[in-house]
Amino acid sequence: MDATVSSWLVIAMGILAANLPFFNDKLFAAVPLKKSAAPADGKGWRKPLALRLLEMVVLYFIVGGVAFMLEARLGNAFPQTWEFYAITGCLFLVLAFPGFVARYLRKRR
């Protein structure tokens, strides 16, 4: 796998992983959570925002690990400083914006 394909693979994984917590009510889209109480709107149980954000942080590190593995496979993996993680963390939040809008800001009829 060359560098171009690896780069696009990491970008696609980042987009999918950033939006995954907002498009389902299961933990990591696989583990159903226990229904403790139904919300007042009567639409069933929803995953709280804090849990969605925690899931995003875990998925950020998973995507980062895959990216590091692909980089190491292509050649030397470069050491990263805090600036790299600050920028990629903000980029991950920007990539999650469509899912956040679809879940919390879109009007439901």
Protein backbone atom coordinates (compact mmCIF):
# COMPACT_ATOMS: atom_id res chain seq x y z
CA MET A 1 0.00 0.00 0.00
CA ASP A 2 1.51 3.33 -1.00
CA ALA A 3 1.40 6.63 0.89
CA THR A 4 -1.52 8.08 -1.09
CA VAL A 5 -3.82 5.13 -0.43
CA SER A 6 -2.81 5.06 3.24
CA SER A 7 -3.53 8.77 3.60
CA TRP A 8 -6.99 8.48 2.07
CA LEU A 9 -7.72 5.41 4.17
CA VAL A 10 -6.88 7.31 7.37
CA ILE A 11 -9.01 10.28 6.27
CA ALA A 12 -11.99 8.02 5.49
CA MET A 13 -11.58 6.19 8.81
CA GLY A 14 -11.44 9.55 10.60
CA ILE A 15 -14.68 10.74 9.00
CA LEU A 16 -16.48 7.50 9.80
CA ALA A 17 -15.13 7.24 13.35
CA ALA A 18 -15.89 10.89 14.18
CA ASN A 19 -19.53 10.55 13.12
CA LEU A 20 -20.15 7.03 14.44
CA PRO A 21 -21.14 8.07 18.00
CA PHE A 22 -23.83 10.42 16.69
CA PHE A 23 -25.57 8.06 14.26
CA ASN A 24 -26.42 5.24 16.68
CA ASP A 25 -27.37 4.66 20.29
CA LYS A 26 -25.11 1.66 20.84
CA LEU A 27 -21.65 1.91 22.35
CA PHE A 28 -19.15 1.75 19.45
CA ALA A 29 -22.08 0.69 17.23
CA ALA A 30 -21.91 -2.81 18.70
CA VAL A 31 -22.72 -2.90 22.42
CA PRO A 32 -26.33 -2.15 23.38
CA LEU A 33 -26.56 -0.11 26.55
CA LYS A 34 -28.92 -0.82 29.43
CA LYS A 35 -32.07 1.25 29.36
CA SER A 36 -32.13 2.94 32.75
CA ALA A 37 -34.94 5.43 32.19
CA ALA A 38 -37.01 6.59 29.25
CA PRO A 39 -36.81 10.30 28.38
CA ALA A 40 -39.85 12.53 28.71
CA ASP A 41 -40.45 12.67 24.96
CA GLY A 42 -41.35 8.98 24.92
CA LYS A 43 -39.05 8.11 22.00
CA GLY A 44 -37.03 5.55 23.94
CA TRP A 45 -33.59 5.71 25.50
CA ARG A 46 -30.80 7.84 24.04
CA LYS A 47 -27.08 7.80 24.68
CA PRO A 48 -26.05 10.96 26.63
CA LEU A 49 -23.74 13.54 25.03
CA ALA A 50 -20.95 12.90 27.55
CA LEU A 51 -20.85 9.23 26.57
CA ARG A 52 -20.81 10.19 22.88
CA LEU A 53 -17.83 12.51 23.49
CA LEU A 54 -16.00 9.84 25.47
CA GLU A 55 -16.61 7.42 22.62
CA MET A 56 -15.20 10.01 20.20
CA VAL A 57 -12.00 10.29 22.26
CA VAL A 58 -11.52 6.51 22.22
CA LEU A 59 -12.17 6.37 18.48
CA TYR A 60 -9.68 9.23 17.95
CA PHE A 61 -6.95 7.14 19.57
CA ILE A 62 -7.95 4.04 17.60
CA VAL A 63 -7.73 5.92 14.30
CA GLY A 64 -4.44 7.45 15.43
CA GLY A 65 -3.06 4.01 16.24
CA VAL A 66 -4.03 2.70 12.80
CA ALA A 67 -2.46 5.79 11.20
CA PHE A 68 0.75 5.27 13.19
CA MET A 69 0.82 1.61 12.16
CA LEU A 70 0.40 2.50 8.48
CA GLU A 71 3.09 5.17 8.74
CA ALA A 72 5.51 2.76 10.38
CA ARG A 73 4.79 0.20 7.67
CA LEU A 74 5.69 2.70 4.93
CA GLY A 75 8.96 3.70 6.54
CA ASN A 76 10.15 5.51 9.63
CA ALA A 77 7.42 6.73 11.95
CA PHE A 78 8.09 10.32 12.89
CA PRO A 79 7.92 11.40 16.55
CA GLN A 80 5.00 13.76 17.27
CA THR A 81 4.75 16.57 19.80
CA TRP A 82 1.73 18.03 21.55
CA GLU A 83 1.02 20.39 18.64
CA PHE A 84 0.33 17.44 16.35
CA TYR A 85 -2.20 15.96 18.79
CA ALA A 86 -3.86 19.35 19.36
CA ILE A 87 -4.32 19.88 15.61
CA THR A 88 -5.53 16.36 14.86
CA GLY A 89 -7.89 16.47 17.85
CA CYS A 90 -9.44 19.68 16.54
CA LEU A 91 -9.63 18.19 13.05
CA PHE A 92 -11.44 15.15 14.49
CA LEU A 93 -13.97 17.49 16.13
CA VAL A 94 -14.51 19.30 12.83
CA LEU A 95 -15.04 15.98 11.06
CA ALA A 96 -17.68 15.11 13.69
CA PHE A 97 -19.72 18.24 12.98
CA PRO A 98 -22.13 16.65 10.44
CA GLY A 99 -23.06 13.92 12.92
CA PHE A 100 -23.52 16.45 15.72
CA VAL A 101 -25.78 18.58 13.53
CA ALA A 102 -27.82 15.58 12.46
CA ARG A 103 -28.29 14.44 16.07
CA TYR A 104 -28.76 17.68 18.04
CA LEU A 105 -29.39 20.67 15.78
CA ARG A 106 -31.70 19.33 13.07
CA LYS A 107 -35.41 19.87 13.66
CA ARG A 108 -37.41 16.68 13.92
CA ARG A 109 -40.95 16.79 12.62
